[in-house]
Amino acid sequence: MRTSTSEGKHGIQWTAQNQLDDLAFSDDLALLSHTHEQMQTKTAIVAAVSASVGLSIHKGKTKV
């Protein structure tokens, strides 16, 4: 989901030189952000891109 993080620095600082924006698994995605606003932005982008290919976010399985 490179699209979810292409708008700037919204992840967490992993090392002095690396930022971790999200963790993608086979059928799961963990979005990482410092603020609630950044998380909302990422979630909205992921939902829109997913919907464009027929996928959706299951609200019952979503955790903050």
N, C-alpha and C. Protein backbone atom coordinates (compact mmCIF):
# COMPACT_ATOMS: atom_id res chain seq x y z
N MET A 1 0.83 -1.19 0.00
CA MET A 1 0.00 0.00 0.00
C MET A 1 0.87 1.25 0.00
N ARG A 2 1.77 1.31 -0.93
CA ARG A 2 2.63 2.48 -1.03
C ARG A 2 1.80 3.76 -1.11
N THR A 3 0.62 3.69 -1.70
CA THR A 3 -0.25 4.86 -1.84
C THR A 3 -0.62 5.43 -0.48
N SER A 4 -0.79 4.60 0.52
CA SER A 4 -1.21 5.08 1.84
C SER A 4 -0.16 5.93 2.52
N THR A 5 1.08 5.83 2.06
CA THR A 5 2.15 6.55 2.74
C THR A 5 2.86 7.54 1.83
N SER A 6 2.35 7.76 0.65
CA SER A 6 3.06 8.61 -0.30
C SER A 6 2.88 10.10 -0.05
N GLU A 7 2.04 10.47 0.89
CA GLU A 7 1.76 11.89 1.14
C GLU A 7 2.72 12.54 2.12
N GLY A 8 3.69 11.83 2.64
CA GLY A 8 4.63 12.44 3.58
C GLY A 8 4.96 11.52 4.72
N LYS A 9 5.55 12.08 5.76
CA LYS A 9 5.99 11.29 6.91
C LYS A 9 4.84 11.10 7.88
N HIS A 10 4.24 9.92 7.85
CA HIS A 10 3.12 9.63 8.74
C HIS A 10 3.34 8.34 9.50
N GLY A 11 4.52 7.77 9.42
CA GLY A 11 4.79 6.53 10.12
C GLY A 11 5.50 6.79 11.44
N ILE A 12 6.26 5.79 11.86
CA ILE A 12 7.04 5.93 13.08
C ILE A 12 8.53 5.82 12.73
N GLN A 13 9.36 6.50 13.49
CA GLN A 13 10.80 6.45 13.26
C GLN A 13 11.32 5.13 13.77
N TRP A 14 11.81 4.28 12.89
CA TRP A 14 12.25 2.94 13.23
C TRP A 14 13.71 2.96 13.68
N THR A 15 14.55 3.59 12.88
CA THR A 15 15.95 3.82 13.24
C THR A 15 16.27 5.26 12.89
N ALA A 16 17.50 5.67 13.10
CA ALA A 16 17.87 7.05 12.80
C ALA A 16 17.65 7.40 11.33
N GLN A 17 17.71 6.41 10.45
CA GLN A 17 17.61 6.67 9.02
C GLN A 17 16.38 6.04 8.36
N ASN A 18 15.61 5.28 9.09
CA ASN A 18 14.48 4.57 8.49
C ASN A 18 13.18 4.86 9.21
N GLN A 19 12.13 4.99 8.42
CA GLN A 19 10.78 5.19 8.95
C GLN A 19 9.93 4.00 8.57
N LEU A 20 9.13 3.52 9.50
CA LEU A 20 8.23 2.40 9.26
C LEU A 20 6.82 2.95 9.13
N ASP A 21 6.21 2.81 7.95
CA ASP A 21 4.90 3.39 7.68
C ASP A 21 3.75 2.41 7.88
N ASP A 22 3.97 1.16 7.49
CA ASP A 22 2.93 0.15 7.69
C ASP A 22 3.55 -1.23 7.61
N LEU A 23 2.80 -2.21 8.08
CA LEU A 23 3.21 -3.60 8.03
C LEU A 23 2.16 -4.36 7.24
N ALA A 24 2.56 -4.95 6.13
CA ALA A 24 1.63 -5.69 5.29
C ALA A 24 1.85 -7.19 5.48
N PHE A 25 0.76 -7.91 5.69
CA PHE A 25 0.79 -9.35 5.82
C PHE A 25 -0.05 -9.92 4.69
N SER A 26 -0.23 -11.22 4.64
CA SER A 26 -0.95 -11.84 3.53
C SER A 26 -2.34 -11.26 3.31
N ASP A 27 -3.10 -11.11 4.37
CA ASP A 27 -4.45 -10.55 4.21
C ASP A 27 -4.75 -9.49 5.27
N ASP A 28 -3.71 -8.93 5.87
CA ASP A 28 -3.86 -7.91 6.90
C ASP A 28 -2.93 -6.74 6.61
N LEU A 29 -3.27 -5.61 7.18
CA LEU A 29 -2.44 -4.42 7.04
C LEU A 29 -2.45 -3.66 8.36
N ALA A 30 -1.27 -3.38 8.89
CA ALA A 30 -1.15 -2.57 10.11
C ALA A 30 -0.60 -1.21 9.71
N LEU A 31 -1.40 -0.17 9.88
CA LEU A 31 -0.97 1.20 9.58
C LEU A 31 -0.39 1.82 10.84
N LEU A 32 0.74 2.47 10.73
CA LEU A 32 1.42 3.05 11.88
C LEU A 32 1.47 4.57 11.74
N SER A 33 1.06 5.27 12.79
CA SER A 33 1.06 6.73 12.79
C SER A 33 1.27 7.25 14.20
N HIS A 34 1.70 8.51 14.29
CA HIS A 34 1.88 9.14 15.59
C HIS A 34 0.60 9.81 16.07
N THR A 35 -0.25 10.27 15.16
CA THR A 35 -1.44 11.01 15.56
C THR A 35 -2.70 10.36 15.02
N HIS A 36 -3.80 10.68 15.68
CA HIS A 36 -5.10 10.18 15.24
C HIS A 36 -5.44 10.71 13.84
N GLU A 37 -5.09 11.96 13.59
CA GLU A 37 -5.37 12.56 12.29
C GLU A 37 -4.61 11.84 11.17
N GLN A 38 -3.36 11.51 11.40
CA GLN A 38 -2.58 10.77 10.40
C GLN A 38 -3.20 9.40 10.15
N MET A 39 -3.66 8.75 11.22
CA MET A 39 -4.28 7.44 11.07
C MET A 39 -5.57 7.53 10.27
N GLN A 40 -6.37 8.56 10.52
CA GLN A 40 -7.60 8.74 9.75
C GLN A 40 -7.30 8.95 8.28
N THR A 41 -6.28 9.75 7.99
CA THR A 41 -5.90 10.01 6.60
C THR A 41 -5.47 8.73 5.91
N LYS A 42 -4.60 7.97 6.55
CA LYS A 42 -4.14 6.71 5.98
C LYS A 42 -5.30 5.74 5.76
N THR A 43 -6.17 5.62 6.76
CA THR A 43 -7.30 4.70 6.65
C THR A 43 -8.21 5.09 5.50
N ALA A 44 -8.47 6.36 5.33
CA ALA A 44 -9.33 6.83 4.23
C ALA A 44 -8.71 6.51 2.88
N ILE A 45 -7.40 6.71 2.75
CA ILE A 45 -6.72 6.41 1.49
C ILE A 45 -6.76 4.91 1.20
N VAL A 46 -6.46 4.10 2.20
CA VAL A 46 -6.49 2.65 2.02
C VAL A 46 -7.89 2.18 1.66
N ALA A 47 -8.91 2.72 2.32
CA ALA A 47 -10.29 2.33 2.03
C ALA A 47 -10.67 2.70 0.59
N ALA A 48 -10.27 3.87 0.14
CA ALA A 48 -10.60 4.30 -1.22
C ALA A 48 -9.90 3.45 -2.27
N VAL A 49 -8.61 3.19 -2.07
CA VAL A 49 -7.87 2.36 -3.02
C VAL A 49 -8.40 0.93 -3.01
N SER A 50 -8.70 0.41 -1.85
CA SER A 50 -9.25 -0.94 -1.74
C SER A 50 -10.60 -1.04 -2.44
N ALA A 51 -11.45 -0.06 -2.24
CA ALA A 51 -12.78 -0.06 -2.87
C ALA A 51 -12.66 -0.02 -4.39
N SER A 52 -11.64 0.64 -4.90
CA SER A 52 -11.49 0.74 -6.35
C SER A 52 -11.18 -0.60 -7.00
N VAL A 53 -10.72 -1.57 -6.21
CA VAL A 53 -10.46 -2.91 -6.74
C VAL A 53 -11.39 -3.96 -6.13
N GLY A 54 -12.47 -3.49 -5.49
CA GLY A 54 -13.49 -4.40 -4.98
C GLY A 54 -13.25 -4.95 -3.59
N LEU A 55 -12.35 -4.36 -2.84
CA LEU A 55 -12.09 -4.81 -1.47
C LEU A 55 -12.66 -3.81 -0.47
N SER A 56 -12.86 -4.25 0.77
CA SER A 56 -13.38 -3.35 1.79
C SER A 56 -12.69 -3.62 3.12
N ILE A 57 -12.76 -2.64 4.01
CA ILE A 57 -12.22 -2.79 5.35
C ILE A 57 -13.32 -3.31 6.26
N HIS A 58 -13.07 -4.41 6.94
CA HIS A 58 -14.05 -5.01 7.85
C HIS A 58 -13.99 -4.25 9.17
N LYS A 59 -15.01 -3.45 9.46
CA LYS A 59 -15.00 -2.60 10.66
C LYS A 59 -14.94 -3.41 11.95
N GLY A 60 -15.52 -4.59 11.94
CA GLY A 60 -15.51 -5.43 13.13
C GLY A 60 -14.14 -5.99 13.47
N LYS A 61 -13.24 -6.03 12.48
CA LYS A 61 -11.89 -6.54 12.71
C LYS A 61 -10.86 -5.42 12.83
N THR A 62 -11.31 -4.19 12.75
CA THR A 62 -10.41 -3.04 12.79
C THR A 62 -10.18 -2.60 14.23
N LYS A 63 -8.90 -2.37 14.59
CA LYS A 63 -8.55 -1.94 15.95
C LYS A 63 -7.66 -0.72 15.87
N VAL A 64 -7.80 0.14 16.88
CA VAL A 64 -6.93 1.33 16.99
C VAL A 64 -6.09 1.20 18.24
